[in-house]
Amino acid sequence: MNPIKQNAIQILTAMIEKDNQSGEEGSYDGNKIHEMTDIEPRDINDAVEILTQHELIKTTTVLIGGAPYKFITTKATSKGKYAYYENQIL
């Protein structure tokens, strides 16, 4: 499987399962995603970009100062949750 796709699936799954566990819609920064998935920052950036392009997550981005991540926070969209529950992520 494409490693970017695999990471994207793992990230979206981790976010939605964490939301379900807490009972609240969460907002996740790069460090939290790394903690939940053990994916390296550069690979998180690639996966988050793909998930954002497919409108499965919504991100708050930063032009400078967010290193090593290219975003500040992200959260699952309704489309992302639907894809998760239908087992059709990407």
Protein backbone atom coordinates (compact mmCIF):
# COMPACT_ATOMS: atom_id res chain seq x y z
CA MET A 1 0.00 0.00 0.00
CA ASN A 2 1.09 3.55 -0.65
CA PRO A 3 2.81 4.71 2.59
CA ILE A 4 1.21 8.18 2.47
CA LYS A 5 -2.24 6.63 2.13
CA GLN A 6 -1.46 4.17 4.93
CA ASN A 7 -0.39 7.02 7.24
CA ALA A 8 -3.44 9.08 6.28
CA ILE A 9 -5.75 6.19 7.17
CA GLN A 10 -3.94 5.65 10.47
CA ILE A 11 -4.13 9.35 11.38
CA LEU A 12 -7.82 9.79 10.56
CA THR A 13 -8.66 6.55 12.36
CA ALA A 14 -6.72 7.62 15.47
CA MET A 15 -8.42 11.04 15.51
CA ILE A 16 -11.96 9.66 15.17
CA GLU A 17 -11.40 6.87 17.68
CA LYS A 18 -10.00 9.39 20.19
CA ASP A 19 -13.06 11.60 19.61
CA ASN A 20 -15.35 8.60 20.19
CA GLN A 21 -13.47 7.64 23.35
CA SER A 22 -13.66 11.15 24.81
CA GLY A 23 -17.18 11.85 23.60
CA GLU A 24 -16.04 15.20 22.20
CA GLU A 25 -14.77 16.45 18.87
CA GLY A 26 -11.06 16.97 19.32
CA SER A 27 -8.53 19.25 17.71
CA TYR A 28 -5.11 17.69 17.24
CA ASP A 29 -1.70 19.23 16.73
CA GLY A 30 1.25 17.46 15.16
CA ASN A 31 2.73 16.38 18.47
CA LYS A 32 -0.54 14.79 19.56
CA ILE A 33 -0.86 12.97 16.22
CA HIS A 34 2.72 11.72 16.59
CA GLU A 35 1.94 10.56 20.14
CA MET A 36 -1.17 8.67 18.97
CA THR A 37 0.37 7.11 15.85
CA ASP A 38 4.18 7.14 16.20
CA ILE A 39 4.39 8.52 12.64
CA GLU A 40 7.33 10.85 11.94
CA PRO A 41 6.63 14.59 11.46
CA ARG A 42 7.50 14.73 7.73
CA ASP A 43 5.19 11.77 7.09
CA ILE A 44 2.44 13.36 9.20
CA ASN A 45 2.71 16.50 7.05
CA ASP A 46 2.27 14.48 3.84
CA ALA A 47 -0.70 12.53 5.19
CA VAL A 48 -2.39 15.64 6.63
CA GLU A 49 -2.02 17.39 3.27
CA ILE A 50 -3.71 14.48 1.46
CA LEU A 51 -6.51 14.24 4.05
CA THR A 52 -7.08 17.99 3.75
CA GLN A 53 -7.18 17.86 -0.06
CA HIS A 54 -9.84 15.13 0.16
CA GLU A 55 -11.76 17.25 2.72
CA LEU A 56 -11.60 14.46 5.31
CA ILE A 57 -10.01 16.81 7.86
CA LYS A 58 -9.88 20.55 8.34
CA THR A 59 -6.58 22.15 9.28
CA THR A 60 -5.41 25.44 10.67
CA THR A 61 -2.14 26.25 8.92
CA VAL A 62 0.82 28.43 9.69
CA LEU A 63 3.21 30.14 7.29
CA ILE A 64 6.16 30.22 9.69
CA GLY A 65 6.95 29.00 13.17
CA GLY A 66 5.15 25.66 13.17
CA ALA A 67 8.17 23.47 12.44
CA PRO A 68 8.42 20.58 12.03
CA TYR A 69 4.70 20.59 11.15
CA LYS A 70 3.05 22.54 8.32
CA PHE A 71 -0.16 22.99 10.31
CA ILE A 72 -1.20 24.09 13.78
CA THR A 73 -4.24 21.92 14.45
CA THR A 74 -6.55 19.58 12.59
CA LYS A 75 -9.88 17.89 13.18
CA ALA A 76 -12.05 15.39 11.34
CA THR A 77 -14.82 16.72 9.11
CA SER A 78 -18.24 15.14 8.67
CA LYS A 79 -16.99 13.75 5.36
CA GLY A 80 -14.01 12.22 7.18
CA LYS A 81 -16.23 10.63 9.81
CA TYR A 82 -18.51 9.24 7.11
CA ALA A 83 -15.54 7.75 5.24
CA TYR A 84 -14.29 6.21 8.49
CA TYR A 85 -17.63 4.59 9.34
CA GLU A 86 -18.08 3.34 5.77
CA ASN A 87 -14.50 1.99 5.84
CA GLN A 88 -13.74 4.00 2.71
CA ILE A 89 -10.90 6.28 3.75
CA LEU A 90 -9.15 7.27 0.52
